[in-house]
Amino acid sequence: MINNIIFDWSGVINDSVKSHVGVVNKIFKHFGAPEITLEELKENWEQPYMRFFNKYLPDLTIEEEQPVYIKAVAECPQSESYPGMVDLLKEFKKGGIKMVVLSSDLPITLLPEMQRFGLEDIFIDTIISAYDKSEGIGKLIERNNFKKEETIFIGDSNHEIEEGKRAGTKTGAVTWGFSTEERLKALNPDYIIRNLDDLKSIIS
């Protein structure tokens, strides 16, 4: 039985994949790399995210990337929540499910989105700006007294699946995020989540 959910944010709760392509291409343009398509992003996205950027810009450092990323995000349209997600999260909370967020997103983007989506009172804990989620998942489990066998880490990339497996939780991969279903399947998550009905049935 699943009583606790650790959520990634972007590409899971935040429906940000199309806007993220714009952000990536602004960063690529700034550093002289050619633009990529949405399909190429989904075929190549990895986390921690510098693993992705260094495929195209091998010498780029996170210190160089960060200010350009912040500027690019400010110039791109705001993302909305994934359709139906807000209502489902509220339903989970009413049902006694404990939910937390573990995200590499920065506070300047994630916190305003959480407020705009009306989710400020849904999550009992958050860790953001988590470039590498290996430490954050353990902290969330420990300080919220989660039993690993009752916990699932839900994300849209290699990183959530890998770190969930290392931490001993169940893992769920959503297919509407930053990676293709084929790439997610290759990582052998416990669940492939193609829509909100799949997510609801797993938690129920």
C-alpha atoms as a PDB file:
ATOM      1  CA  MET A   1       0.000   0.000   0.000  1.00  0.00           C
ATOM      2  CA  ILE A   2       1.291   3.475  -0.895  1.00  0.00           C
ATOM      3  CA  ASN A   3       0.801   6.124   1.774  1.00  0.00           C
ATOM      4  CA  ASN A   4       3.536   8.587   0.784  1.00  0.00           C
ATOM      5  CA  ILE A   5       4.452  10.244  -2.508  1.00  0.00           C
ATOM      6  CA  ILE A   6       7.680  12.041  -3.363  1.00  0.00           C
ATOM      7  CA  PHE A   7       6.989  14.155  -6.442  1.00  0.00           C
ATOM      8  CA  ASP A   8       9.357  15.662  -8.934  1.00  0.00           C
ATOM      9  CA  TRP A   9       7.938  19.001 -10.092  1.00  0.00           C
ATOM     10  CA  SER A  10       8.714  19.974 -13.697  1.00  0.00           C
ATOM     11  CA  GLY A  11       7.355  17.560 -16.262  1.00  0.00           C
ATOM     12  CA  VAL A  12       5.186  15.894 -13.606  1.00  0.00           C
ATOM     13  CA  ILE A  13       3.063  18.445 -11.737  1.00  0.00           C
ATOM     14  CA  ASN A  14       4.152  21.367 -13.882  1.00  0.00           C
ATOM     15  CA  ASP A  15       3.358  20.779 -17.580  1.00  0.00           C
ATOM     16  CA  SER A  16       6.531  22.512 -18.698  1.00  0.00           C
ATOM     17  CA  VAL A  17       8.086  20.388 -21.434  1.00  0.00           C
ATOM     18  CA  LYS A  18       7.288  22.689 -24.375  1.00  0.00           C
ATOM     19  CA  SER A  19       8.377  25.803 -22.520  1.00  0.00           C
ATOM     20  CA  HIS A  20      11.532  24.012 -21.402  1.00  0.00           C
ATOM     21  CA  VAL A  21      12.550  23.443 -25.014  1.00  0.00           C
ATOM     22  CA  GLY A  22      12.454  27.224 -25.415  1.00  0.00           C
ATOM     23  CA  VAL A  23      14.599  27.686 -22.308  1.00  0.00           C
ATOM     24  CA  VAL A  24      17.125  25.100 -23.494  1.00  0.00           C
ATOM     25  CA  ASN A  25      17.360  26.689 -26.929  1.00  0.00           C
ATOM     26  CA  LYS A  26      17.951  30.135 -25.419  1.00  0.00           C
ATOM     27  CA  ILE A  27      20.809  28.654 -23.412  1.00  0.00           C
ATOM     28  CA  PHE A  28      22.179  26.894 -26.486  1.00  0.00           C
ATOM     29  CA  LYS A  29      21.981  30.089 -28.525  1.00  0.00           C
ATOM     30  CA  HIS A  30      23.825  32.038 -25.824  1.00  0.00           C
ATOM     31  CA  PHE A  31      26.687  29.537 -25.811  1.00  0.00           C
ATOM     32  CA  GLY A  32      26.741  28.911 -29.571  1.00  0.00           C
ATOM     33  CA  ALA A  33      25.107  25.486 -29.833  1.00  0.00           C
ATOM     34  CA  PRO A  34      22.449  24.681 -32.475  1.00  0.00           C
ATOM     35  CA  GLU A  35      18.776  24.537 -31.471  1.00  0.00           C
ATOM     36  CA  ILE A  36      17.068  21.214 -30.786  1.00  0.00           C
ATOM     37  CA  THR A  37      13.511  19.972 -31.241  1.00  0.00           C
ATOM     38  CA  LEU A  38      11.093  18.721 -28.597  1.00  0.00           C
ATOM     39  CA  GLU A  39      11.665  15.185 -29.842  1.00  0.00           C
ATOM     40  CA  GLU A  40      15.432  15.508 -29.474  1.00  0.00           C
ATOM     41  CA  LEU A  41      15.031  16.893 -25.972  1.00  0.00           C
ATOM     42  CA  LYS A  42      12.914  13.906 -24.910  1.00  0.00           C
ATOM     43  CA  GLU A  43      15.423  11.491 -26.457  1.00  0.00           C
ATOM     44  CA  ASN A  44      18.424  13.068 -24.725  1.00  0.00           C
ATOM     45  CA  TRP A  45      17.276  14.657 -21.458  1.00  0.00           C
ATOM     46  CA  GLU A  46      19.144  13.475 -18.372  1.00  0.00           C
ATOM     47  CA  GLN A  47      19.512  14.539 -14.787  1.00  0.00           C
ATOM     48  CA  PRO A  48      21.425  15.891 -13.009  1.00  0.00           C
ATOM     49  CA  TYR A  49      20.784  18.360 -15.816  1.00  0.00           C
ATOM     50  CA  MET A  50      24.413  19.255 -16.561  1.00  0.00           C
ATOM     51  CA  ARG A  51      24.737  15.720 -17.918  1.00  0.00           C
ATOM     52  CA  PHE A  52      22.314  16.831 -20.622  1.00  0.00           C
ATOM     53  CA  PHE A  53      23.916  20.211 -21.326  1.00  0.00           C
ATOM     54  CA  ASN A  54      27.400  18.723 -21.463  1.00  0.00           C
ATOM     55  CA  LYS A  55      26.347  16.436 -24.307  1.00  0.00           C
ATOM     56  CA  TYR A  56      26.131  19.570 -26.449  1.00  0.00           C
ATOM     57  CA  LEU A  57      28.476  21.914 -24.583  1.00  0.00           C
ATOM     58  CA  PRO A  58      31.158  19.717 -22.980  1.00  0.00           C
ATOM     59  CA  ASP A  59      32.993  22.587 -21.288  1.00  0.00           C
ATOM     60  CA  LEU A  60      29.932  24.352 -19.870  1.00  0.00           C
ATOM     61  CA  THR A  61      29.873  24.599 -16.067  1.00  0.00           C
ATOM     62  CA  ILE A  62      26.847  24.924 -13.819  1.00  0.00           C
ATOM     63  CA  GLU A  63      28.159  28.320 -12.674  1.00  0.00           C
ATOM     64  CA  GLU A  64      28.019  29.536 -16.283  1.00  0.00           C
ATOM     65  CA  GLU A  65      24.681  27.886 -17.014  1.00  0.00           C
ATOM     66  CA  GLN A  66      22.710  29.164 -14.015  1.00  0.00           C
ATOM     67  CA  PRO A  67      22.466  32.923 -14.749  1.00  0.00           C
ATOM     68  CA  VAL A  68      21.648  32.225 -18.413  1.00  0.00           C
ATOM     69  CA  TYR A  69      18.990  29.733 -17.344  1.00  0.00           C
ATOM     70  CA  ILE A  70      17.382  32.215 -14.950  1.00  0.00           C
ATOM     71  CA  LYS A  71      17.258  34.872 -17.677  1.00  0.00           C
ATOM     72  CA  ALA A  72      15.841  32.378 -20.216  1.00  0.00           C
ATOM     73  CA  VAL A  73      13.075  31.258 -17.829  1.00  0.00           C
ATOM     74  CA  ALA A  74      12.061  34.877 -17.242  1.00  0.00           C
ATOM     75  CA  GLU A  75      11.729  35.422 -21.004  1.00  0.00           C
ATOM     76  CA  CYS A  76       9.598  32.319 -21.691  1.00  0.00           C
ATOM     77  CA  PRO A  77       5.825  31.947 -21.123  1.00  0.00           C
ATOM     78  CA  GLN A  78       4.669  30.679 -17.735  1.00  0.00           C
ATOM     79  CA  SER A  79       3.936  26.974 -17.491  1.00  0.00           C
ATOM     80  CA  GLU A  80       0.626  25.617 -16.237  1.00  0.00           C
ATOM     81  CA  SER A  81      -0.075  22.569 -14.117  1.00  0.00           C
ATOM     82  CA  TYR A  82      -0.580  19.265 -15.906  1.00  0.00           C
ATOM     83  CA  PRO A  83      -4.324  19.062 -16.739  1.00  0.00           C
ATOM     84  CA  GLY A  84      -6.277  17.530 -13.878  1.00  0.00           C
ATOM     85  CA  MET A  85      -3.247  17.220 -11.594  1.00  0.00           C
ATOM     86  CA  VAL A  86      -4.260  19.881  -9.068  1.00  0.00           C
ATOM     87  CA  ASP A  87      -7.643  18.259  -8.414  1.00  0.00           C
ATOM     88  CA  LEU A  88      -6.062  14.820  -8.088  1.00  0.00           C
ATOM     89  CA  LEU A  89      -3.478  16.050  -5.573  1.00  0.00           C
ATOM     90  CA  LYS A  90      -6.245  17.597  -3.489  1.00  0.00           C
ATOM     91  CA  GLU A  91      -8.123  14.295  -3.656  1.00  0.00           C
ATOM     92  CA  PHE A  92      -5.010  12.429  -2.473  1.00  0.00           C
ATOM     93  CA  LYS A  93      -4.612  14.820   0.447  1.00  0.00           C
ATOM     94  CA  LYS A  94      -8.232  14.331   1.511  1.00  0.00           C
ATOM     95  CA  GLY A  95      -7.569  10.603   1.418  1.00  0.00           C
ATOM     96  CA  GLY A  96      -4.681  10.936   3.859  1.00  0.00           C
ATOM     97  CA  ILE A  97      -1.806  10.552   1.409  1.00  0.00           C
ATOM     98  CA  LYS A  98       1.327  12.382   2.550  1.00  0.00           C
ATOM     99  CA  MET A  99       3.044  14.237  -0.288  1.00  0.00           C
ATOM    100  CA  VAL A 100       6.392  16.018  -0.620  1.00  0.00           C
ATOM    101  CA  VAL A 101       8.335  17.619  -3.459  1.00  0.00           C
ATOM    102  CA  LEU A 102      11.947  16.948  -4.464  1.00  0.00           C
ATOM    103  CA  SER A 103      12.937  19.138  -7.398  1.00  0.00           C
ATOM    104  CA  SER A 104      15.961  20.654  -9.088  1.00  0.00           C
ATOM    105  CA  ASP A 105      13.836  23.693  -9.963  1.00  0.00           C
ATOM    106  CA  LEU A 106      14.880  27.004  -8.443  1.00  0.00           C
ATOM    107  CA  PRO A 107      12.783  28.824  -5.812  1.00  0.00           C
ATOM    108  CA  ILE A 108      12.166  31.739  -8.201  1.00  0.00           C
ATOM    109  CA  THR A 109      10.175  29.449 -10.489  1.00  0.00           C
ATOM    110  CA  LEU A 110       8.786  26.630  -8.346  1.00  0.00           C
ATOM    111  CA  LEU A 111       7.414  28.596  -5.385  1.00  0.00           C
ATOM    112  CA  PRO A 112       5.382  31.075  -7.493  1.00  0.00           C
ATOM    113  CA  GLU A 113       4.039  28.160  -9.541  1.00  0.00           C
ATOM    114  CA  MET A 114       3.016  26.258  -6.418  1.00  0.00           C
ATOM    115  CA  GLN A 115       1.118  29.341  -5.251  1.00  0.00           C
ATOM    116  CA  ARG A 116      -0.409  29.991  -8.668  1.00  0.00           C
ATOM    117  CA  PHE A 117      -1.615  26.384  -8.908  1.00  0.00           C
ATOM    118  CA  GLY A 118      -3.182  26.604  -5.426  1.00  0.00           C
ATOM    119  CA  LEU A 119      -0.983  23.858  -3.981  1.00  0.00           C
ATOM    120  CA  GLU A 120       0.623  25.685  -1.023  1.00  0.00           C
ATOM    121  CA  ASP A 121      -1.176  23.496   1.550  1.00  0.00           C
ATOM    122  CA  ILE A 122      -0.847  20.175  -0.241  1.00  0.00           C
ATOM    123  CA  PHE A 123       2.764  19.203   0.457  1.00  0.00           C
ATOM    124  CA  ILE A 124       4.091  18.555   3.958  1.00  0.00           C
ATOM    125  CA  ASP A 125       7.726  19.122   2.936  1.00  0.00           C
ATOM    126  CA  THR A 126       9.750  20.369  -0.030  1.00  0.00           C
ATOM    127  CA  ILE A 127      13.361  20.267  -1.136  1.00  0.00           C
ATOM    128  CA  ILE A 128      14.114  22.483  -4.129  1.00  0.00           C
ATOM    129  CA  SER A 129      17.268  23.486  -6.006  1.00  0.00           C
ATOM    130  CA  ALA A 130      18.266  19.827  -5.606  1.00  0.00           C
ATOM    131  CA  TYR A 131      20.784  19.456  -8.422  1.00  0.00           C
ATOM    132  CA  ASP A 132      21.532  15.882  -7.340  1.00  0.00           C
ATOM    133  CA  LYS A 133      18.537  14.226  -5.685  1.00  0.00           C
ATOM    134  CA  SER A 134      20.501  11.405  -4.065  1.00  0.00           C
ATOM    135  CA  GLU A 135      20.768  13.216  -0.717  1.00  0.00           C
ATOM    136  CA  GLY A 136      17.355  14.892  -0.819  1.00  0.00           C
ATOM    137  CA  ILE A 137      15.352  11.700  -1.077  1.00  0.00           C
ATOM    138  CA  GLY A 138      16.940  10.303   2.078  1.00  0.00           C
ATOM    139  CA  LYS A 139      16.314  13.522   3.973  1.00  0.00           C
ATOM    140  CA  LEU A 140      12.645  13.566   3.009  1.00  0.00           C
ATOM    141  CA  ILE A 141      12.155   9.936   4.017  1.00  0.00           C
ATOM    142  CA  GLU A 142      13.917  10.411   7.351  1.00  0.00           C
ATOM    143  CA  ARG A 143      12.446  13.687   8.519  1.00  0.00           C
ATOM    144  CA  ASN A 144       8.890  12.733   7.562  1.00  0.00           C
ATOM    145  CA  ASN A 145       9.147   9.206   9.007  1.00  0.00           C
ATOM    146  CA  PHE A 146       8.183   7.579   5.711  1.00  0.00           C
ATOM    147  CA  LYS A 147       8.305   3.802   5.510  1.00  0.00           C
ATOM    148  CA  LYS A 148      10.163   3.050   2.287  1.00  0.00           C
ATOM    149  CA  GLU A 149       7.856   0.209   1.338  1.00  0.00           C
ATOM    150  CA  GLU A 150       4.887   2.607   1.557  1.00  0.00           C
ATOM    151  CA  THR A 151       6.574   5.366  -0.478  1.00  0.00           C
ATOM    152  CA  ILE A 152       6.805   6.058  -4.206  1.00  0.00           C
ATOM    153  CA  PHE A 153       9.057   8.538  -6.007  1.00  0.00           C
ATOM    154  CA  ILE A 154       7.268   9.852  -9.100  1.00  0.00           C
ATOM    155  CA  GLY A 155       9.284  11.578 -11.819  1.00  0.00           C
ATOM    156  CA  ASP A 156       9.853  11.872 -15.529  1.00  0.00           C
ATOM    157  CA  SER A 157      13.582  11.201 -15.954  1.00  0.00           C
ATOM    158  CA  ASN A 158      16.343   8.735 -15.229  1.00  0.00           C
ATOM    159  CA  HIS A 159      17.252  10.520 -12.013  1.00  0.00           C
ATOM    160  CA  GLU A 160      14.021   9.928 -10.097  1.00  0.00           C
ATOM    161  CA  ILE A 161      13.934   6.257 -11.040  1.00  0.00           C
ATOM    162  CA  GLU A 162      17.605   5.689 -10.221  1.00  0.00           C
ATOM    163  CA  GLU A 163      17.472   7.484  -6.877  1.00  0.00           C
ATOM    164  CA  GLY A 164      14.154   5.928  -5.887  1.00  0.00           C
ATOM    165  CA  LYS A 165      15.613   2.473  -6.483  1.00  0.00           C
ATOM    166  CA  ARG A 166      18.748   3.319  -4.485  1.00  0.00           C
ATOM    167  CA  ALA A 167      16.640   4.645  -1.610  1.00  0.00           C
ATOM    168  CA  GLY A 168      14.431   1.559  -1.554  1.00  0.00           C
ATOM    169  CA  THR A 169      11.147   3.227  -2.522  1.00  0.00           C
ATOM    170  CA  LYS A 170       8.796   2.274  -5.292  1.00  0.00           C
ATOM    171  CA  THR A 171       9.280   4.249  -8.515  1.00  0.00           C
ATOM    172  CA  GLY A 172       6.770   5.688 -10.982  1.00  0.00           C
ATOM    173  CA  ALA A 173       7.652   7.239 -14.346  1.00  0.00           C
ATOM    174  CA  VAL A 174       5.213   9.614 -16.034  1.00  0.00           C
ATOM    175  CA  THR A 175       5.232   9.656 -19.823  1.00  0.00           C
ATOM    176  CA  TRP A 176       4.070  13.279 -20.287  1.00  0.00           C
ATOM    177  CA  GLY A 177       7.387  14.708 -19.095  1.00  0.00           C
ATOM    178  CA  PHE A 178      10.926  15.194 -20.385  1.00  0.00           C
ATOM    179  CA  SER A 179      11.677  11.603 -21.493  1.00  0.00           C
ATOM    180  CA  THR A 180      10.161   9.184 -23.985  1.00  0.00           C
ATOM    181  CA  GLU A 181       8.252   6.172 -22.728  1.00  0.00           C
ATOM    182  CA  GLU A 182      10.821   3.863 -24.317  1.00  0.00           C
ATOM    183  CA  ARG A 183      13.682   5.437 -22.367  1.00  0.00           C
ATOM    184  CA  LEU A 184      11.701   5.274 -19.145  1.00  0.00           C
ATOM    185  CA  LYS A 185      10.793   1.619 -19.662  1.00  0.00           C
ATOM    186  CA  ALA A 186      14.476   0.779 -20.119  1.00  0.00           C
ATOM    187  CA  LEU A 187      15.089   1.986 -16.547  1.00  0.00           C
ATOM    188  CA  ASN A 188      12.594  -0.576 -15.162  1.00  0.00           C
ATOM    189  CA  PRO A 189      10.483   1.614 -12.877  1.00  0.00           C
ATOM    190  CA  ASP A 190       7.850  -0.147 -10.821  1.00  0.00           C
ATOM    191  CA  TYR A 191       5.136   1.719 -12.707  1.00  0.00           C
ATOM    192  CA  ILE A 192       4.782   3.448 -16.065  1.00  0.00           C
ATOM    193  CA  ILE A 193       2.182   6.206 -15.628  1.00  0.00           C
ATOM    194  CA  ARG A 194       0.613   7.283 -18.924  1.00  0.00           C
ATOM    195  CA  ASN A 195      -2.243   9.369 -17.524  1.00  0.00           C
ATOM    196  CA  LEU A 196      -3.857  10.471 -14.279  1.00  0.00           C
ATOM    197  CA  ASP A 197      -6.119   7.429 -14.181  1.00  0.00           C
ATOM    198  CA  ASP A 198      -2.970   5.280 -14.013  1.00  0.00           C
ATOM    199  CA  LEU A 199      -1.619   7.432 -11.182  1.00  0.00           C
ATOM    200  CA  LYS A 200      -4.894   7.290  -9.268  1.00  0.00           C
ATOM    201  CA  SER A 201      -5.130   3.506  -9.589  1.00  0.00           C
ATOM    202  CA  ILE A 202      -1.560   3.036  -8.313  1.00  0.00           C
ATOM    203  CA  ILE A 203      -2.180   5.156  -5.217  1.00  0.00           C
ATOM    204  CA  SER A 204      -5.640   3.712  -4.599  1.00  0.00           C
END
